[in-house]
Each structure stands twice: as structure tokens, then as C-alpha cells.
Amino acid sequence: MKTLRLPSVLLAAALLLPAVAQAHPGHDGDHDFVWDFGHLTANPLATIACISLLVAAAWGVRRLVKGRPAARSVRVKRD
């Protein structure tokens, strides 16, 4: 039986990362989350590279999780 260690490690990292990445106190000013497309339009090559990296990572994770398809058994005809 195969052990699925990679998915469990990814799940643990996804759950623990937000707790580790808390910002330290002491910042003045507005702390609201603001989404701005100005940076994406100002740097189109970086945006394309980032999207390509995300797609490649998603493809790699899918390939790791899916694995190879099992070979079908073919009946041999005997004369």
C-alpha cells in the first residue's frame, strides 16, 4: 500500500502557514486589504511569468496527486 505523505505535508503547511506569517505590530496607517490592478498592468512580463508559474505548479501538483494510469490487462487470444 502506498503512503500519501506529500498531500498530508501540503495540507499541514497550508494550515500552519497563516499562523506563522502573522505581521508584527507597530505599523501606522491603514491596515485594510486593498486590491489594485495598477501593479499588474505596470509590469506585464512579471504578471505573465507569475501566472505561468502558478499554472505550472498546479499542473505539477495535479500530476503528483493523480499519478500514472494503471495499465489495462489485455486478453491474449490463443489459437
Protein backbone atom coordinates (compact mmCIF):
# COMPACT_ATOMS: atom_id res chain seq x y z
CA MET A 1 0.00 0.00 0.00
CA LYS A 2 1.34 3.40 -0.94
CA THR A 3 1.68 6.09 1.68
CA LEU A 4 0.49 9.53 0.66
CA ARG A 5 2.96 11.63 2.60
CA LEU A 6 3.14 14.59 0.18
CA PRO A 7 -0.56 15.57 0.35
CA SER A 8 -0.53 15.42 4.14
CA VAL A 9 2.57 17.63 4.27
CA LEU A 10 0.97 20.11 1.88
CA LEU A 11 -2.20 20.18 3.98
CA ALA A 12 -0.23 20.77 7.17
CA ALA A 13 1.75 23.58 5.51
CA ALA A 14 -1.44 25.18 4.22
CA LEU A 15 -2.95 25.14 7.71
CA LEU A 16 0.16 26.29 9.59
CA LEU A 17 1.47 28.95 7.19
CA PRO A 18 -1.12 31.64 8.05
CA ALA A 19 -0.32 31.29 11.76
CA VAL A 20 3.41 31.67 11.10
CA ALA A 21 3.02 34.59 8.69
CA GLN A 22 1.32 37.00 11.12
CA ALA A 23 2.53 40.59 10.72
CA HIS A 24 4.29 42.13 13.67
CA PRO A 25 2.60 45.08 15.41
CA GLY A 26 3.79 48.65 15.09
CA HIS A 27 2.72 49.67 11.59
CA ASP A 28 0.96 53.02 11.38
CA GLY A 29 -1.71 53.86 8.85
CA ASP A 30 -4.42 51.97 7.05
CA HIS A 31 -4.34 48.19 7.50
CA ASP A 32 -7.21 47.34 5.17
CA PHE A 33 -6.63 44.93 2.31
CA VAL A 34 -6.80 46.83 -0.97
CA TRP A 35 -6.61 45.12 -4.35
CA ASP A 36 -5.14 47.23 -7.11
CA PHE A 37 -4.56 46.14 -10.70
CA GLY A 38 -2.15 49.02 -11.30
CA HIS A 39 0.88 46.91 -10.41
CA LEU A 40 -0.21 44.12 -12.76
CA THR A 41 -0.66 46.47 -15.70
CA ALA A 42 2.60 48.31 -14.98
CA ASN A 43 4.58 45.04 -15.06
CA PRO A 44 3.02 42.79 -17.74
CA LEU A 45 6.01 40.45 -18.13
CA ALA A 46 6.15 39.81 -14.40
CA THR A 47 2.40 39.19 -14.39
CA ILE A 48 2.69 36.66 -17.23
CA ALA A 49 5.63 34.97 -15.52
CA CYS A 50 3.73 34.73 -12.23
CA ILE A 51 0.63 33.29 -13.86
CA SER A 52 2.79 30.79 -15.80
CA LEU A 53 4.49 29.73 -12.58
CA LEU A 54 1.14 29.22 -10.84
CA VAL A 55 -0.18 27.16 -13.76
CA ALA A 56 2.99 25.04 -13.83
CA ALA A 57 2.79 24.47 -10.07
CA ALA A 58 -0.87 23.46 -10.31
CA TRP A 59 -0.04 21.08 -13.16
CA GLY A 60 2.81 19.56 -11.14
CA VAL A 61 0.66 19.08 -8.05
CA ARG A 62 -2.11 17.50 -10.14
CA ARG A 63 0.38 15.18 -11.76
CA LEU A 64 1.80 14.15 -8.38
CA VAL A 65 -1.64 13.51 -6.93
CA LYS A 66 -3.11 11.74 -9.97
CA GLY A 67 -0.13 9.52 -10.74
CA ARG A 68 0.09 7.34 -13.79
CA PRO A 69 -2.94 5.47 -15.05
CA ALA A 70 -2.87 1.75 -14.40
CA ALA A 71 -2.07 -0.40 -17.41
CA ARG A 72 -5.07 -2.29 -18.68
CA SER A 73 -4.75 -6.02 -18.92
CA VAL A 74 -5.22 -7.33 -22.42
CA ARG A 75 -6.56 -10.80 -23.00
CA VAL A 76 -4.32 -12.85 -25.20
CA LYS A 77 -6.09 -14.88 -27.85
CA ARG A 78 -4.75 -18.38 -28.14
CA ASP A 79 -5.07 -20.46 -31.29
